Amino acid sequence: MSRKKLAGIIVGCVIVIAAIGTPLATPLSPKIVTNYSSFLDYLRDSGASIRDEGETGRGLFYDAEFRIVEADGIFIQVYEFASAKDMEADASGVSRYGTQITKDWGNGKATTVFVNWIGKPHFYKAGRIIVIYIGDNYSMISLLQNGFGKQFAGM
């Protein structure tokens, strides 16, 4: 066998080995979501079909604006706070499994809400928002972990 052919075979093998070792898709960096708007952008950029009614209200976290977003037919609760400091303060009141949420009012008084979820809760946080997904859809959990990192509470 000529040296040229041998060199071509070796180069071809190296390229095949390199291609096999390369992931098909590079995972997104966690913590790319910082607020409600960037969360919607992240969902759209990830290919999710989203519906946002634009309605706001109050939910489990007193200091946050509450919205529900539908992504690929799955409902997600979104709580947006005035600052990351406010979000972290309220996030610290969520129990490990997300079944108790305590609000410290700062005057020696606190309120605790006990929640009996209809499915497994998954709590994520970043920037000024807390997102809660109730369910066990692996694709949705993966999507949220890519945008926020590991859940901070839930099952």
Protein backbone atom coordinates (compact mmCIF):
# COMPACT_ATOMS: atom_id res chain seq x y z
CA MET A 1 0.00 0.00 0.00
CA SER A 2 1.39 3.41 -0.91
CA ARG A 3 2.18 6.00 1.71
CA LYS A 4 -0.38 8.38 0.18
CA LYS A 5 -3.21 5.83 0.50
CA LEU A 6 -2.17 4.95 4.04
CA ALA A 7 -2.08 8.65 5.01
CA GLY A 8 -5.55 9.14 3.48
CA ILE A 9 -6.96 6.18 5.43
CA ILE A 10 -5.46 7.45 8.70
CA VAL A 11 -6.82 10.98 8.16
CA GLY A 12 -10.25 9.53 7.30
CA CYS A 13 -10.25 7.41 10.47
CA VAL A 14 -9.29 10.41 12.60
CA ILE A 15 -12.14 12.46 11.11
CA VAL A 16 -14.65 9.64 11.75
CA ILE A 17 -13.42 9.21 15.34
CA ALA A 18 -13.64 12.97 15.93
CA ALA A 19 -17.17 13.06 14.52
CA ILE A 20 -18.27 10.16 16.71
CA GLY A 21 -16.96 11.91 19.83
CA THR A 22 -18.75 15.18 19.02
CA PRO A 23 -22.24 15.68 20.47
CA LEU A 24 -25.00 16.25 17.93
CA ALA A 25 -26.17 19.42 19.64
CA THR A 26 -24.33 21.64 22.03
CA PRO A 27 -26.40 22.05 25.21
CA LEU A 28 -27.44 25.58 26.04
CA SER A 29 -25.67 27.27 28.92
CA PRO A 30 -27.73 27.33 32.10
CA LYS A 31 -28.82 30.65 33.58
CA ILE A 32 -29.61 32.38 30.27
CA VAL A 33 -33.00 33.45 31.60
CA THR A 34 -33.12 36.54 33.83
CA ASN A 35 -36.65 37.97 33.59
CA TYR A 36 -40.08 37.27 32.11
CA SER A 37 -39.25 38.65 28.68
CA SER A 38 -36.03 36.64 28.37
CA PHE A 39 -37.93 33.53 29.50
CA LEU A 40 -40.42 33.94 26.65
CA ASP A 41 -37.54 34.55 24.21
CA TYR A 42 -35.80 31.42 25.49
CA LEU A 43 -38.94 29.31 24.98
CA ARG A 44 -39.40 30.66 21.44
CA ASP A 45 -35.72 30.20 20.56
CA SER A 46 -35.93 26.61 21.83
CA GLY A 47 -38.72 25.93 19.35
CA ALA A 48 -41.57 25.82 21.85
CA SER A 49 -44.99 26.98 20.75
CA ILE A 50 -46.03 29.47 23.44
CA ARG A 51 -49.21 31.23 24.44
CA ASP A 52 -49.13 34.15 26.83
CA GLU A 53 -52.47 35.70 27.69
CA GLY A 54 -50.72 38.76 29.12
CA GLU A 55 -52.82 38.69 32.28
CA THR A 56 -51.08 39.30 35.59
CA GLY A 57 -52.05 38.80 39.18
CA ARG A 58 -50.78 37.61 42.55
CA GLY A 59 -50.04 34.01 43.36
CA LEU A 60 -47.94 32.13 45.91
CA PHE A 61 -45.28 34.84 46.18
CA TYR A 62 -46.73 38.10 47.50
CA ASP A 63 -44.02 40.39 46.13
CA ALA A 64 -44.12 39.08 42.55
CA GLU A 65 -46.23 39.61 39.48
CA PHE A 66 -47.79 36.27 38.53
CA ARG A 67 -48.41 34.95 35.01
CA ILE A 68 -49.20 31.61 33.42
CA VAL A 69 -47.51 30.70 30.16
CA GLU A 70 -48.50 27.75 28.00
CA ALA A 71 -45.54 26.13 26.24
CA ASP A 72 -46.27 23.20 23.92
CA GLY A 73 -49.56 22.65 25.75
CA ILE A 74 -47.90 22.63 29.19
CA PHE A 75 -48.75 25.32 31.77
CA ILE A 76 -45.91 27.06 33.59
CA GLN A 77 -46.29 29.50 36.47
CA VAL A 78 -43.98 32.51 36.27
CA TYR A 79 -43.33 34.92 39.15
CA GLU A 80 -41.40 38.09 38.32
CA PHE A 81 -39.98 40.17 41.17
CA ALA A 82 -38.82 43.80 41.22
CA SER A 83 -35.23 42.67 41.91
CA ALA A 84 -33.07 39.56 42.14
CA LYS A 85 -32.70 40.30 45.87
CA ASP A 86 -36.50 40.14 46.34
CA MET A 87 -36.65 36.91 44.34
CA GLU A 88 -33.90 35.27 46.42
CA ALA A 89 -35.60 36.33 49.66
CA ASP A 90 -38.86 34.64 48.64
CA ALA A 91 -37.10 31.62 47.10
CA SER A 92 -35.39 31.00 50.45
CA GLY A 93 -38.83 30.40 51.96
CA VAL A 94 -39.60 27.45 49.66
CA SER A 95 -39.20 24.06 51.34
CA ARG A 96 -36.98 21.39 49.77
CA TYR A 97 -39.92 19.59 48.11
CA GLY A 98 -41.88 22.76 47.36
CA THR A 99 -44.81 21.81 49.57
CA GLN A 100 -44.39 24.71 52.02
CA ILE A 101 -43.76 28.33 51.15
CA THR A 102 -42.97 30.73 53.98
CA LYS A 103 -43.00 34.50 53.61
CA ASP A 104 -40.91 36.34 56.20
CA TRP A 105 -42.45 39.78 56.59
CA GLY A 106 -39.34 41.13 58.30
CA ASN A 107 -41.14 42.28 61.46
CA GLY A 108 -40.87 39.02 63.38
CA LYS A 109 -43.94 37.65 61.61
CA ALA A 110 -44.15 35.04 58.87
CA THR A 111 -46.87 33.35 56.86
CA THR A 112 -46.59 29.74 55.70
CA VAL A 113 -48.67 28.27 52.90
CA PHE A 114 -48.95 24.48 52.62
CA VAL A 115 -49.42 23.32 49.04
CA ASN A 116 -50.80 19.97 47.90
CA TRP A 117 -49.77 19.92 44.23
CA ILE A 118 -51.69 17.89 41.64
CA GLY A 119 -48.35 16.61 40.28
CA LYS A 120 -44.63 16.81 40.95
CA PRO A 121 -43.54 20.45 41.42
CA HIS A 122 -40.29 21.72 39.87
CA PHE A 123 -39.04 25.15 41.02
CA TYR A 124 -36.44 27.06 39.00
CA LYS A 125 -35.01 30.52 39.56
CA ALA A 126 -32.77 32.99 37.79
CA GLY A 127 -32.37 36.74 37.74
CA ARG A 128 -35.71 38.17 38.88
CA ILE A 129 -38.00 35.18 38.23
CA ILE A 130 -39.15 31.95 39.78
CA VAL A 131 -40.77 29.42 37.47
CA ILE A 132 -42.88 26.49 38.67
CA TYR A 133 -43.68 23.55 36.44
CA ILE A 134 -46.04 20.87 37.77
CA GLY A 135 -45.64 17.52 36.04
CA ASP A 136 -43.18 14.93 34.86
CA ASN A 137 -42.69 15.71 31.16
CA TYR A 138 -38.98 15.04 30.66
CA SER A 139 -38.72 17.36 27.63
CA MET A 140 -40.12 20.29 29.63
CA ILE A 141 -37.88 19.54 32.62
CA SER A 142 -34.86 19.43 30.27
CA LEU A 143 -35.89 22.68 28.62
CA LEU A 144 -36.22 24.43 31.99
CA GLN A 145 -32.91 23.02 33.28
CA ASN A 146 -31.13 24.29 30.17
CA GLY A 147 -32.51 27.77 30.75
CA PHE A 148 -32.23 27.97 34.55
CA GLY A 149 -29.86 25.26 35.72
CA LYS A 150 -30.82 22.68 38.33
CA GLN A 151 -34.16 23.12 40.13
CA PHE A 152 -33.81 24.67 43.58
CA ALA A 153 -36.87 22.91 45.06
CA GLY A 154 -39.37 20.27 44.11
CA MET A 155 -39.64 16.57 43.55
